[in-house]
Amino acid sequence: MKTSTTMIIAAAVVALGACNKKSPQENAAANIEANSENAAENVTAAGENQASNILNSAEDKASAVKNEASSEAAAIKNAGENKAEAVKSATENKTK
């Protein structure tokens, strides 16, 4: 029994060794596939980076527009308050 187990294990090892031997064509095909996968990953990463840059740029522009609108609104409000104060002062001066 011990001998037959050893023979079976030896046969399995030889079979596995035979399976792992690749021809030059199989190696070339594996290299082509690996290179293609790497190229696809690089294109995906570049696309994601570009999309992220576009999104960041759009967010920056949106913030700039919001800030400009807020500043303009504050200027209009201040101008209105100044005019109202001038009207109040003019009225007070007339009544004295």
Protein backbone atom coordinates (compact mmCIF):
# COMPACT_ATOMS: atom_id res chain seq x y z
CA MET A 1 0.00 0.00 0.00
CA LYS A 2 2.85 2.33 0.89
CA THR A 3 4.51 1.74 -2.47
CA SER A 4 1.31 2.34 -4.44
CA THR A 5 0.69 5.62 -2.55
CA THR A 6 4.22 6.74 -3.36
CA MET A 7 3.73 5.80 -7.01
CA ILE A 8 0.45 7.74 -7.19
CA ILE A 9 2.02 10.82 -5.62
CA ALA A 10 5.00 10.58 -7.98
CA ALA A 11 2.68 10.27 -10.97
CA ALA A 12 0.70 13.29 -9.79
CA VAL A 13 3.85 15.36 -9.41
CA VAL A 14 5.01 14.40 -12.92
CA ALA A 15 1.56 15.27 -14.29
CA LEU A 16 1.56 18.65 -12.58
CA GLY A 17 5.05 19.34 -13.87
CA ALA A 18 3.91 18.58 -17.39
CA CYS A 19 0.93 20.92 -17.03
CA ASN A 20 3.09 23.86 -16.00
CA LYS A 21 5.30 23.74 -19.09
CA LYS A 22 4.16 26.35 -21.56
CA SER A 23 5.14 26.71 -25.16
CA PRO A 24 6.70 29.97 -26.40
CA GLN A 25 3.40 30.76 -28.10
CA GLU A 26 1.50 30.31 -24.83
CA ASN A 27 4.00 32.57 -23.06
CA ALA A 28 3.65 35.19 -25.80
CA ALA A 29 -0.13 35.00 -25.60
CA ALA A 30 -0.01 35.38 -21.82
CA ASN A 31 2.28 38.40 -22.18
CA ILE A 32 0.00 39.99 -24.77
CA GLU A 33 -2.99 39.46 -22.49
CA ALA A 34 -1.16 40.92 -19.48
CA ASN A 35 -0.03 43.94 -21.53
CA SER A 36 -3.56 44.49 -22.79
CA GLU A 37 -4.95 44.36 -19.27
CA ASN A 38 -2.32 46.86 -18.10
CA ALA A 39 -3.07 49.19 -21.02
CA ALA A 40 -6.81 48.98 -20.30
CA GLU A 41 -6.20 49.76 -16.62
CA ASN A 42 -4.03 52.74 -17.59
CA VAL A 43 -6.70 54.10 -19.92
CA THR A 44 -9.34 53.65 -17.21
CA ALA A 45 -7.16 55.42 -14.63
CA ALA A 46 -6.39 58.27 -17.03
CA GLY A 47 -10.09 58.68 -17.81
CA GLU A 48 -10.98 58.72 -14.13
CA ASN A 49 -8.26 61.30 -13.45
CA GLN A 50 -9.46 63.50 -16.29
CA ALA A 51 -13.06 63.25 -15.11
CA SER A 52 -11.96 64.14 -11.59
CA ASN A 53 -10.02 67.16 -12.89
CA ILE A 54 -13.03 68.33 -14.91
CA LEU A 55 -15.29 67.93 -11.88
CA ASN A 56 -12.87 69.85 -9.65
CA SER A 57 -12.59 72.61 -12.23
CA ALA A 58 -16.37 72.83 -12.52
CA GLU A 59 -16.71 72.98 -8.74
CA ASP A 60 -14.10 75.75 -8.61
CA LYS A 61 -15.94 77.72 -11.29
CA ALA A 62 -19.26 77.21 -9.51
CA SER A 63 -17.73 78.47 -6.27
CA ALA A 64 -16.33 81.51 -8.06
CA VAL A 65 -19.76 82.31 -9.53
CA LYS A 66 -21.40 81.90 -6.10
CA ASN A 67 -18.81 84.16 -4.50
CA GLU A 68 -19.22 86.80 -7.19
CA ALA A 69 -23.02 86.72 -6.84
CA SER A 70 -22.74 86.94 -3.06
CA SER A 71 -20.39 89.92 -3.30
CA GLU A 72 -22.67 91.66 -5.78
CA ALA A 73 -25.70 91.03 -3.55
CA ALA A 74 -23.83 92.44 -0.55
CA ALA A 75 -22.87 95.54 -2.54
CA ILE A 76 -26.49 96.09 -3.63
CA LYS A 77 -27.68 95.65 -0.04
CA ASN A 78 -25.09 98.11 1.26
CA ALA A 79 -25.97 100.64 -1.42
CA GLY A 80 -29.66 100.33 -0.51
CA GLU A 81 -28.91 100.74 3.19
CA ASN A 82 -26.78 103.80 2.44
CA LYS A 83 -29.55 105.39 0.35
CA ALA A 84 -32.12 104.65 3.04
CA GLU A 85 -29.88 106.21 5.66
CA ALA A 86 -29.40 109.27 3.46
CA VAL A 87 -33.17 109.64 3.09
CA LYS A 88 -33.63 109.32 6.86
CA SER A 89 -30.93 111.90 7.51
CA ALA A 90 -32.42 114.31 4.98
CA THR A 91 -35.86 113.95 6.58
CA GLU A 92 -34.49 114.49 10.06
CA ASN A 93 -32.63 117.60 8.93
CA LYS A 94 -35.82 119.09 7.42
CA THR A 95 -37.85 118.54 10.56
CA LYS A 96 -35.36 120.32 12.81
